[in-house]
N, C-alpha and C. Protein backbone atom coordinates (compact mmCIF):
# COMPACT_ATOMS: atom_id res chain seq x y z
N MET A 1 -17.70 -3.67 -15.99
CA MET A 1 -17.33 -2.97 -14.79
C MET A 1 -15.87 -2.53 -14.92
N ASP A 2 -15.61 -1.29 -14.62
CA ASP A 2 -14.30 -0.70 -14.78
C ASP A 2 -13.42 -0.99 -13.56
N LEU A 3 -12.23 -1.53 -13.79
CA LEU A 3 -11.31 -1.85 -12.69
C LEU A 3 -10.90 -0.60 -11.91
N ALA A 4 -10.78 0.53 -12.59
CA ALA A 4 -10.38 1.77 -11.91
C ALA A 4 -11.43 2.20 -10.90
N VAL A 5 -12.69 1.98 -11.22
CA VAL A 5 -13.77 2.33 -10.29
C VAL A 5 -13.65 1.47 -9.03
N ILE A 6 -13.42 0.19 -9.22
CA ILE A 6 -13.28 -0.71 -8.07
C ILE A 6 -12.03 -0.37 -7.27
N GLN A 7 -10.92 -0.12 -7.95
CA GLN A 7 -9.69 0.23 -7.24
C GLN A 7 -9.86 1.48 -6.40
N SER A 8 -10.68 2.41 -6.86
CA SER A 8 -10.90 3.64 -6.09
C SER A 8 -11.72 3.38 -4.83
N LYS A 9 -12.35 2.23 -4.73
CA LYS A 9 -13.15 1.87 -3.56
C LYS A 9 -12.37 1.04 -2.55
N VAL A 10 -11.13 0.71 -2.86
CA VAL A 10 -10.30 -0.09 -1.97
C VAL A 10 -9.50 0.86 -1.07
N PHE A 11 -9.60 0.63 0.24
CA PHE A 11 -8.91 1.46 1.22
C PHE A 11 -8.08 0.57 2.13
N THR A 12 -7.09 1.18 2.76
CA THR A 12 -6.29 0.46 3.74
C THR A 12 -6.82 0.80 5.13
N LEU A 13 -7.18 -0.23 5.86
CA LEU A 13 -7.70 -0.08 7.21
C LEU A 13 -7.17 -1.25 8.03
N ARG A 14 -6.61 -0.94 9.18
CA ARG A 14 -5.99 -1.97 10.05
C ARG A 14 -4.91 -2.75 9.29
N GLY A 15 -4.24 -2.07 8.40
CA GLY A 15 -3.14 -2.69 7.65
C GLY A 15 -3.60 -3.64 6.56
N GLN A 16 -4.87 -3.63 6.23
CA GLN A 16 -5.39 -4.51 5.20
C GLN A 16 -6.12 -3.71 4.14
N LYS A 17 -6.12 -4.19 2.93
CA LYS A 17 -6.90 -3.59 1.86
C LYS A 17 -8.33 -4.09 1.99
N VAL A 18 -9.27 -3.14 2.08
CA VAL A 18 -10.67 -3.50 2.29
C VAL A 18 -11.59 -2.71 1.37
N ILE A 19 -12.80 -3.25 1.20
CA ILE A 19 -13.89 -2.55 0.52
C ILE A 19 -15.06 -2.55 1.50
N PHE A 20 -15.72 -1.40 1.62
CA PHE A 20 -16.82 -1.27 2.58
C PHE A 20 -18.11 -1.85 2.01
N ASP A 21 -18.98 -2.25 2.94
CA ASP A 21 -20.24 -2.88 2.55
C ASP A 21 -21.10 -2.00 1.65
N PHE A 22 -21.11 -0.69 1.91
CA PHE A 22 -21.95 0.19 1.09
C PHE A 22 -21.43 0.29 -0.35
N ASP A 23 -20.11 0.22 -0.52
CA ASP A 23 -19.55 0.22 -1.87
C ASP A 23 -19.82 -1.10 -2.58
N LEU A 24 -19.69 -2.20 -1.83
CA LEU A 24 -19.99 -3.51 -2.41
C LEU A 24 -21.46 -3.61 -2.80
N ALA A 25 -22.33 -3.10 -1.94
CA ALA A 25 -23.77 -3.13 -2.25
C ALA A 25 -24.06 -2.37 -3.53
N ALA A 26 -23.42 -1.22 -3.70
CA ALA A 26 -23.62 -0.44 -4.92
C ALA A 26 -23.11 -1.22 -6.14
N LEU A 27 -21.96 -1.86 -6.00
CA LEU A 27 -21.41 -2.64 -7.12
C LEU A 27 -22.31 -3.83 -7.46
N TYR A 28 -22.83 -4.50 -6.43
CA TYR A 28 -23.71 -5.65 -6.64
C TYR A 28 -25.14 -5.25 -7.01
N GLU A 29 -25.41 -3.94 -6.94
CA GLU A 29 -26.73 -3.41 -7.23
C GLU A 29 -27.80 -3.98 -6.29
N VAL A 30 -27.45 -4.02 -4.99
CA VAL A 30 -28.40 -4.40 -3.95
C VAL A 30 -28.33 -3.34 -2.86
N GLU A 31 -29.32 -3.33 -1.98
CA GLU A 31 -29.29 -2.41 -0.86
C GLU A 31 -28.26 -2.89 0.16
N THR A 32 -27.66 -1.94 0.87
CA THR A 32 -26.66 -2.28 1.87
C THR A 32 -27.25 -3.19 2.94
N ARG A 33 -28.48 -2.92 3.34
CA ARG A 33 -29.11 -3.75 4.38
C ARG A 33 -29.29 -5.19 3.91
N VAL A 34 -29.53 -5.39 2.62
CA VAL A 34 -29.67 -6.74 2.07
C VAL A 34 -28.33 -7.47 2.13
N LEU A 35 -27.28 -6.79 1.74
CA LEU A 35 -25.94 -7.39 1.80
C LEU A 35 -25.60 -7.75 3.24
N LYS A 36 -25.81 -6.82 4.16
CA LYS A 36 -25.49 -7.08 5.57
C LYS A 36 -26.33 -8.22 6.13
N GLN A 37 -27.58 -8.29 5.74
CA GLN A 37 -28.46 -9.35 6.20
C GLN A 37 -27.95 -10.71 5.72
N ALA A 38 -27.52 -10.79 4.46
CA ALA A 38 -26.98 -12.04 3.92
C ALA A 38 -25.71 -12.45 4.66
N VAL A 39 -24.88 -11.46 4.99
CA VAL A 39 -23.65 -11.76 5.72
C VAL A 39 -23.98 -12.25 7.13
N ARG A 40 -24.89 -11.57 7.81
CA ARG A 40 -25.26 -11.97 9.19
C ARG A 40 -25.88 -13.37 9.23
N ARG A 41 -26.61 -13.72 8.19
CA ARG A 41 -27.21 -15.07 8.14
C ARG A 41 -26.14 -16.15 7.95
N ASN A 42 -24.98 -15.74 7.41
CA ASN A 42 -23.88 -16.68 7.14
C ASN A 42 -22.60 -16.22 7.86
N ILE A 43 -22.75 -15.69 9.06
CA ILE A 43 -21.62 -15.06 9.75
C ILE A 43 -20.45 -16.02 9.98
N ASP A 44 -20.72 -17.32 10.09
CA ASP A 44 -19.64 -18.28 10.28
C ASP A 44 -18.71 -18.36 9.07
N ARG A 45 -19.13 -17.87 7.93
CA ARG A 45 -18.28 -17.84 6.72
C ARG A 45 -17.35 -16.63 6.68
N PHE A 46 -17.52 -15.72 7.65
CA PHE A 46 -16.77 -14.46 7.64
C PHE A 46 -15.98 -14.25 8.93
N PRO A 47 -14.85 -14.97 9.07
CA PRO A 47 -14.01 -14.71 10.24
C PRO A 47 -13.40 -13.30 10.16
N ASN A 48 -12.76 -12.87 11.23
CA ASN A 48 -12.23 -11.50 11.31
C ASN A 48 -11.23 -11.14 10.21
N ASP A 49 -10.55 -12.12 9.65
CA ASP A 49 -9.61 -11.79 8.57
C ASP A 49 -10.32 -11.70 7.22
N PHE A 50 -11.62 -12.02 7.18
CA PHE A 50 -12.42 -11.87 5.96
C PHE A 50 -13.28 -10.61 6.00
N MET A 51 -13.77 -10.27 7.22
CA MET A 51 -14.69 -9.15 7.36
C MET A 51 -14.67 -8.71 8.81
N PHE A 52 -14.73 -7.39 9.01
CA PHE A 52 -14.85 -6.86 10.37
C PHE A 52 -15.69 -5.59 10.33
N GLN A 53 -16.28 -5.27 11.49
CA GLN A 53 -17.08 -4.05 11.59
C GLN A 53 -16.15 -2.93 12.06
N ILE A 54 -16.22 -1.78 11.39
CA ILE A 54 -15.30 -0.71 11.74
C ILE A 54 -15.77 0.01 13.01
N THR A 55 -14.80 0.58 13.73
CA THR A 55 -15.07 1.23 15.02
C THR A 55 -15.46 2.69 14.82
N GLU A 56 -15.91 3.30 15.90
CA GLU A 56 -16.28 4.71 15.88
C GLU A 56 -15.08 5.58 15.49
N ASN A 57 -13.91 5.26 16.04
CA ASN A 57 -12.69 6.02 15.70
C ASN A 57 -12.34 5.90 14.21
N GLU A 58 -12.53 4.71 13.67
CA GLU A 58 -12.26 4.50 12.25
C GLU A 58 -13.27 5.27 11.39
N ILE A 59 -14.51 5.33 11.84
CA ILE A 59 -15.52 6.12 11.11
C ILE A 59 -15.11 7.58 11.09
N GLU A 60 -14.67 8.11 12.24
CA GLU A 60 -14.23 9.51 12.30
C GLU A 60 -13.03 9.74 11.38
N TYR A 61 -12.13 8.77 11.34
CA TYR A 61 -10.97 8.87 10.45
C TYR A 61 -11.43 8.92 8.99
N LEU A 62 -12.37 8.06 8.62
CA LEU A 62 -12.87 8.02 7.25
C LEU A 62 -13.55 9.33 6.87
N VAL A 63 -14.29 9.91 7.82
CA VAL A 63 -14.94 11.20 7.56
C VAL A 63 -13.87 12.27 7.35
N SER A 64 -12.81 12.25 8.19
CA SER A 64 -11.75 13.26 8.08
C SER A 64 -10.96 13.12 6.79
N GLN A 65 -10.89 11.92 6.24
CA GLN A 65 -10.16 11.68 5.00
C GLN A 65 -11.06 11.80 3.77
N ILE A 66 -12.29 12.20 3.99
CA ILE A 66 -13.29 12.41 2.94
C ILE A 66 -13.58 11.12 2.15
N VAL A 67 -13.46 9.98 2.84
CA VAL A 67 -13.86 8.72 2.24
C VAL A 67 -15.38 8.63 2.27
N ILE A 68 -15.95 9.15 3.36
CA ILE A 68 -17.40 9.21 3.51
C ILE A 68 -17.78 10.64 3.87
N PRO A 69 -18.98 11.08 3.50
CA PRO A 69 -19.35 12.48 3.73
C PRO A 69 -19.56 12.84 5.20
N SER A 70 -20.20 11.94 5.98
CA SER A 70 -20.46 12.23 7.39
C SER A 70 -20.81 10.94 8.11
N LYS A 71 -20.83 11.00 9.44
CA LYS A 71 -21.17 9.82 10.23
C LYS A 71 -22.60 9.38 9.97
N SER A 72 -23.47 10.33 9.68
CA SER A 72 -24.88 10.00 9.44
C SER A 72 -25.08 9.23 8.13
N TYR A 73 -24.05 9.17 7.32
CA TYR A 73 -24.10 8.45 6.04
C TYR A 73 -24.51 6.99 6.24
N PHE A 74 -24.15 6.41 7.39
CA PHE A 74 -24.42 5.00 7.65
C PHE A 74 -25.78 4.77 8.30
N GLY A 75 -26.45 5.83 8.67
CA GLY A 75 -27.76 5.67 9.32
C GLY A 75 -27.67 5.02 10.69
N GLY A 76 -26.56 5.21 11.39
CA GLY A 76 -26.41 4.68 12.75
C GLY A 76 -25.74 3.33 12.83
N ALA A 77 -25.59 2.64 11.74
CA ALA A 77 -24.95 1.32 11.76
C ALA A 77 -23.52 1.43 11.23
N ALA A 78 -22.59 0.87 11.98
CA ALA A 78 -21.19 0.87 11.53
C ALA A 78 -21.05 -0.10 10.35
N PRO A 79 -20.34 0.31 9.31
CA PRO A 79 -20.21 -0.56 8.13
C PRO A 79 -19.27 -1.73 8.37
N PHE A 80 -19.42 -2.74 7.53
CA PHE A 80 -18.50 -3.86 7.49
C PHE A 80 -17.40 -3.52 6.49
N ALA A 81 -16.20 -3.97 6.80
CA ALA A 81 -15.07 -3.85 5.88
C ALA A 81 -14.69 -5.26 5.44
N PHE A 82 -14.67 -5.50 4.15
CA PHE A 82 -14.39 -6.82 3.61
C PHE A 82 -12.98 -6.86 3.01
N THR A 83 -12.21 -7.85 3.41
CA THR A 83 -10.90 -8.06 2.81
C THR A 83 -11.10 -8.82 1.49
N GLU A 84 -10.02 -9.07 0.82
CA GLU A 84 -10.11 -9.79 -0.46
C GLU A 84 -10.79 -11.15 -0.28
N GLN A 85 -10.42 -11.86 0.79
CA GLN A 85 -11.03 -13.16 1.04
C GLN A 85 -12.52 -13.03 1.36
N GLY A 86 -12.88 -11.96 2.08
CA GLY A 86 -14.28 -11.73 2.40
C GLY A 86 -15.10 -11.45 1.16
N VAL A 87 -14.52 -10.70 0.23
CA VAL A 87 -15.23 -10.41 -1.02
C VAL A 87 -15.43 -11.72 -1.79
N ALA A 88 -14.42 -12.58 -1.79
CA ALA A 88 -14.55 -13.87 -2.48
C ALA A 88 -15.65 -14.71 -1.82
N MET A 89 -15.73 -14.64 -0.51
CA MET A 89 -16.76 -15.41 0.21
C MET A 89 -18.16 -14.87 -0.09
N LEU A 90 -18.27 -13.58 -0.38
CA LEU A 90 -19.58 -13.01 -0.69
C LEU A 90 -20.25 -13.69 -1.89
N SER A 91 -19.44 -14.20 -2.81
CA SER A 91 -20.03 -14.84 -3.99
C SER A 91 -20.80 -16.10 -3.61
N SER A 92 -20.45 -16.72 -2.48
CA SER A 92 -21.20 -17.90 -2.05
C SER A 92 -22.45 -17.51 -1.27
N VAL A 93 -22.50 -16.27 -0.79
CA VAL A 93 -23.64 -15.78 -0.01
C VAL A 93 -24.64 -15.08 -0.92
N LEU A 94 -24.15 -14.25 -1.83
CA LEU A 94 -25.00 -13.55 -2.80
C LEU A 94 -24.95 -14.35 -4.10
N LYS A 95 -25.97 -15.11 -4.36
CA LYS A 95 -25.94 -16.06 -5.47
C LYS A 95 -26.67 -15.52 -6.69
N SER A 96 -26.12 -14.47 -7.27
CA SER A 96 -26.71 -13.96 -8.51
C SER A 96 -25.61 -13.85 -9.56
N LYS A 97 -26.03 -13.78 -10.80
CA LYS A 97 -25.04 -13.63 -11.89
C LYS A 97 -24.27 -12.32 -11.74
N LYS A 98 -24.99 -11.27 -11.33
CA LYS A 98 -24.35 -9.96 -11.14
C LYS A 98 -23.27 -10.07 -10.06
N ALA A 99 -23.58 -10.75 -8.96
CA ALA A 99 -22.62 -10.91 -7.87
C ALA A 99 -21.38 -11.66 -8.36
N LEU A 100 -21.58 -12.68 -9.16
CA LEU A 100 -20.46 -13.45 -9.69
C LEU A 100 -19.58 -12.59 -10.60
N GLN A 101 -20.19 -11.83 -11.50
CA GLN A 101 -19.44 -10.95 -12.41
C GLN A 101 -18.67 -9.88 -11.63
N VAL A 102 -19.34 -9.29 -10.64
CA VAL A 102 -18.68 -8.25 -9.85
C VAL A 102 -17.53 -8.85 -9.06
N ASN A 103 -17.74 -10.04 -8.47
CA ASN A 103 -16.66 -10.68 -7.71
C ASN A 103 -15.42 -10.92 -8.57
N ILE A 104 -15.63 -11.38 -9.77
CA ILE A 104 -14.50 -11.64 -10.67
C ILE A 104 -13.74 -10.34 -10.93
N THR A 105 -14.45 -9.28 -11.19
CA THR A 105 -13.82 -7.99 -11.44
C THR A 105 -13.10 -7.48 -10.20
N ILE A 106 -13.72 -7.64 -9.03
CA ILE A 106 -13.08 -7.19 -7.79
C ILE A 106 -11.80 -7.99 -7.53
N MET A 107 -11.84 -9.29 -7.75
CA MET A 107 -10.65 -10.12 -7.56
C MET A 107 -9.52 -9.64 -8.49
N ARG A 108 -9.86 -9.31 -9.70
CA ARG A 108 -8.85 -8.78 -10.63
C ARG A 108 -8.29 -7.45 -10.13
N ALA A 109 -9.15 -6.62 -9.57
CA ALA A 109 -8.70 -5.32 -9.04
C ALA A 109 -7.73 -5.54 -7.88
N PHE A 110 -8.06 -6.47 -6.98
CA PHE A 110 -7.16 -6.76 -5.86
C PHE A 110 -5.82 -7.29 -6.36
N VAL A 111 -5.84 -8.15 -7.35
CA VAL A 111 -4.60 -8.70 -7.92
C VAL A 111 -3.76 -7.57 -8.52
N MET A 112 -4.42 -6.67 -9.26
CA MET A 112 -3.68 -5.55 -9.85
C MET A 112 -3.08 -4.64 -8.79
N LEU A 113 -3.83 -4.37 -7.73
CA LEU A 113 -3.29 -3.55 -6.63
C LEU A 113 -2.11 -4.23 -5.97
N ARG A 114 -2.23 -5.53 -5.72
CA ARG A 114 -1.13 -6.27 -5.10
C ARG A 114 0.11 -6.23 -6.01
N GLN A 115 -0.08 -6.40 -7.30
CA GLN A 115 1.03 -6.35 -8.25
C GLN A 115 1.66 -4.97 -8.27
N TYR A 116 0.82 -3.93 -8.22
CA TYR A 116 1.32 -2.56 -8.20
C TYR A 116 2.21 -2.33 -6.99
N TYR A 117 1.75 -2.79 -5.81
CA TYR A 117 2.54 -2.60 -4.60
C TYR A 117 3.81 -3.44 -4.62
N MET A 118 3.74 -4.64 -5.19
CA MET A 118 4.94 -5.46 -5.31
C MET A 118 5.94 -4.79 -6.24
N ASP A 119 5.45 -4.26 -7.37
CA ASP A 119 6.33 -3.55 -8.29
C ASP A 119 6.92 -2.32 -7.63
N SER A 120 6.13 -1.62 -6.82
CA SER A 120 6.62 -0.43 -6.13
C SER A 120 7.71 -0.79 -5.14
N LYS A 121 7.53 -1.89 -4.41
CA LYS A 121 8.54 -2.32 -3.44
C LYS A 121 9.83 -2.70 -4.16
N GLU A 122 9.67 -3.42 -5.28
CA GLU A 122 10.85 -3.83 -6.05
C GLU A 122 11.58 -2.61 -6.59
N LEU A 123 10.83 -1.65 -7.11
CA LEU A 123 11.43 -0.42 -7.63
C LEU A 123 12.14 0.35 -6.52
N LYS A 124 11.52 0.43 -5.36
CA LYS A 124 12.13 1.12 -4.23
C LYS A 124 13.44 0.45 -3.84
N THR A 125 13.46 -0.87 -3.80
CA THR A 125 14.67 -1.61 -3.46
C THR A 125 15.77 -1.35 -4.49
N ARG A 126 15.41 -1.35 -5.77
CA ARG A 126 16.39 -1.10 -6.82
C ARG A 126 16.95 0.31 -6.73
N ILE A 127 16.09 1.30 -6.43
CA ILE A 127 16.54 2.68 -6.28
C ILE A 127 17.50 2.80 -5.10
N GLU A 128 17.16 2.16 -3.98
CA GLU A 128 18.04 2.20 -2.81
C GLU A 128 19.39 1.57 -3.11
N THR A 129 19.38 0.47 -3.85
CA THR A 129 20.63 -0.18 -4.23
C THR A 129 21.48 0.74 -5.10
N LEU A 130 20.85 1.39 -6.08
CA LEU A 130 21.58 2.33 -6.94
C LEU A 130 22.12 3.51 -6.14
N GLU A 131 21.31 4.02 -5.19
CA GLU A 131 21.76 5.14 -4.37
C GLU A 131 22.98 4.74 -3.55
N ASN A 132 22.96 3.53 -3.00
CA ASN A 132 24.11 3.05 -2.22
C ASN A 132 25.35 2.92 -3.10
N GLU A 133 25.16 2.40 -4.30
CA GLU A 133 26.29 2.28 -5.23
C GLU A 133 26.82 3.66 -5.60
N MET A 134 25.92 4.59 -5.86
CA MET A 134 26.34 5.95 -6.22
C MET A 134 27.03 6.63 -5.06
N ASP A 135 26.52 6.41 -3.84
CA ASP A 135 27.17 6.98 -2.66
C ASP A 135 28.61 6.50 -2.57
N MET A 136 28.83 5.22 -2.82
CA MET A 136 30.19 4.68 -2.77
C MET A 136 31.05 5.29 -3.88
N LYS A 137 30.49 5.42 -5.07
CA LYS A 137 31.26 6.00 -6.18
C LYS A 137 31.58 7.47 -5.90
N PHE A 138 30.60 8.20 -5.38
CA PHE A 138 30.86 9.61 -5.07
C PHE A 138 31.86 9.74 -3.92
N TYR A 139 31.83 8.82 -2.99
CA TYR A 139 32.80 8.84 -1.91
C TYR A 139 34.21 8.64 -2.48
N ASP A 140 34.34 7.68 -3.40
CA ASP A 140 35.65 7.44 -4.04
C ASP A 140 36.11 8.67 -4.81
N ILE A 141 35.21 9.28 -5.56
CA ILE A 141 35.56 10.49 -6.33
C ILE A 141 35.95 11.61 -5.39
N HIS A 142 35.22 11.77 -4.31
CA HIS A 142 35.53 12.82 -3.32
C HIS A 142 36.91 12.59 -2.71
N GLN A 143 37.21 11.36 -2.36
CA GLN A 143 38.53 11.05 -1.80
C GLN A 143 39.63 11.35 -2.81
N THR A 144 39.43 10.99 -4.06
CA THR A 144 40.43 11.23 -5.10
C THR A 144 40.65 12.73 -5.30
N LEU A 145 39.56 13.48 -5.35
CA LEU A 145 39.70 14.94 -5.51
C LEU A 145 40.44 15.56 -4.33
N ASN A 146 40.15 15.11 -3.14
CA ASN A 146 40.86 15.62 -1.96
C ASN A 146 42.35 15.34 -2.05
N LEU A 147 42.72 14.16 -2.55
CA LEU A 147 44.14 13.83 -2.69
C LEU A 147 44.80 14.71 -3.74
N LEU A 148 44.08 15.02 -4.81
CA LEU A 148 44.64 15.88 -5.85
C LEU A 148 44.77 17.33 -5.38
N ILE A 149 43.80 17.78 -4.62
CA ILE A 149 43.82 19.16 -4.13
C ILE A 149 44.86 19.34 -3.03
N ASP A 150 44.92 18.42 -2.11
CA ASP A 150 45.81 18.53 -0.97
C ASP A 150 46.53 17.20 -0.78
N PRO A 151 47.56 16.95 -1.62
CA PRO A 151 48.25 15.66 -1.54
C PRO A 151 48.99 15.54 -0.21
N PRO A 152 49.12 14.33 0.29
CA PRO A 152 49.86 14.15 1.54
C PRO A 152 51.32 14.54 1.33
N GLN A 153 51.88 15.23 2.28
CA GLN A 153 53.26 15.71 2.17
C GLN A 153 54.19 14.74 2.89
N LYS A 154 55.18 14.24 2.13
CA LYS A 154 56.22 13.39 2.71
C LYS A 154 57.41 14.29 2.97
N GLU A 155 58.20 13.92 3.95
CA GLU A 155 59.42 14.69 4.20
C GLU A 155 60.37 14.40 3.05
N ARG A 156 60.81 15.48 2.40
CA ARG A 156 61.66 15.34 1.23
C ARG A 156 63.12 15.53 1.61
N LYS A 157 63.96 14.84 0.91
CA LYS A 157 65.39 15.04 1.10
C LYS A 157 65.78 16.35 0.45
N GLN A 158 66.67 17.03 1.12
CA GLN A 158 67.12 18.32 0.59
C GLN A 158 67.96 18.07 -0.65
N ILE A 159 67.72 18.86 -1.67
CA ILE A 159 68.49 18.71 -2.90
C ILE A 159 69.41 19.92 -3.03
N GLY A 160 70.37 19.72 -3.82
CA GLY A 160 71.29 20.83 -4.06
C GLY A 160 72.66 20.53 -3.45
N PHE A 161 73.51 21.59 -3.25
CA PHE A 161 74.87 21.47 -2.72
C PHE A 161 74.82 21.02 -1.28
N LYS A 162 75.57 19.98 -0.97
CA LYS A 162 75.60 19.46 0.38
C LYS A 162 76.92 19.82 1.02
N ASN A 163 76.80 20.23 2.19
CA ASN A 163 77.98 20.55 2.99
C ASN A 163 78.36 19.31 3.77
N ASP A 164 79.62 18.97 3.86
CA ASP A 164 80.04 17.77 4.54
C ASP A 164 79.75 17.79 6.03
N GLU A 165 79.49 18.98 6.55
CA GLU A 165 79.26 19.10 7.97
C GLU A 165 77.89 18.55 8.36
N ASN A 166 76.99 18.48 7.48
CA ASN A 166 75.64 17.98 7.81
C ASN A 166 75.58 16.51 7.68
């Protein structure tokens, strides 16, 4: 199973990385209704932070983002969205070798995505730090150039022949 294929099935919904039941069913090579039935029979294993059913507004958003072709794609039933923990719990509900292999691959995909985002955050922080340092250096250079172009004028003593009257 290719990690890139699995990563392409991970979406952000409600601030969490999730995989939809229809994508999981395809990966596990079972019908979506079979997967949902297994989950409903073991619903106590799937609290809201493991799995949730998406709302009508979320379905419309997914259609608008071309994640799914149309609302009729689900056949009238709103899909389940599984978080990383929910996918891990599926291995105890779907007890096949295929489910175990797919779960291992999905867990690796989630780890890689998490690492990617951590690396991105670290890189962003480093870039911001460098920008701040450069801003300070450019400010110093700008100040120095301004002093060279227009040096502050001090009142100078008059030079030359002095008259005793002054």
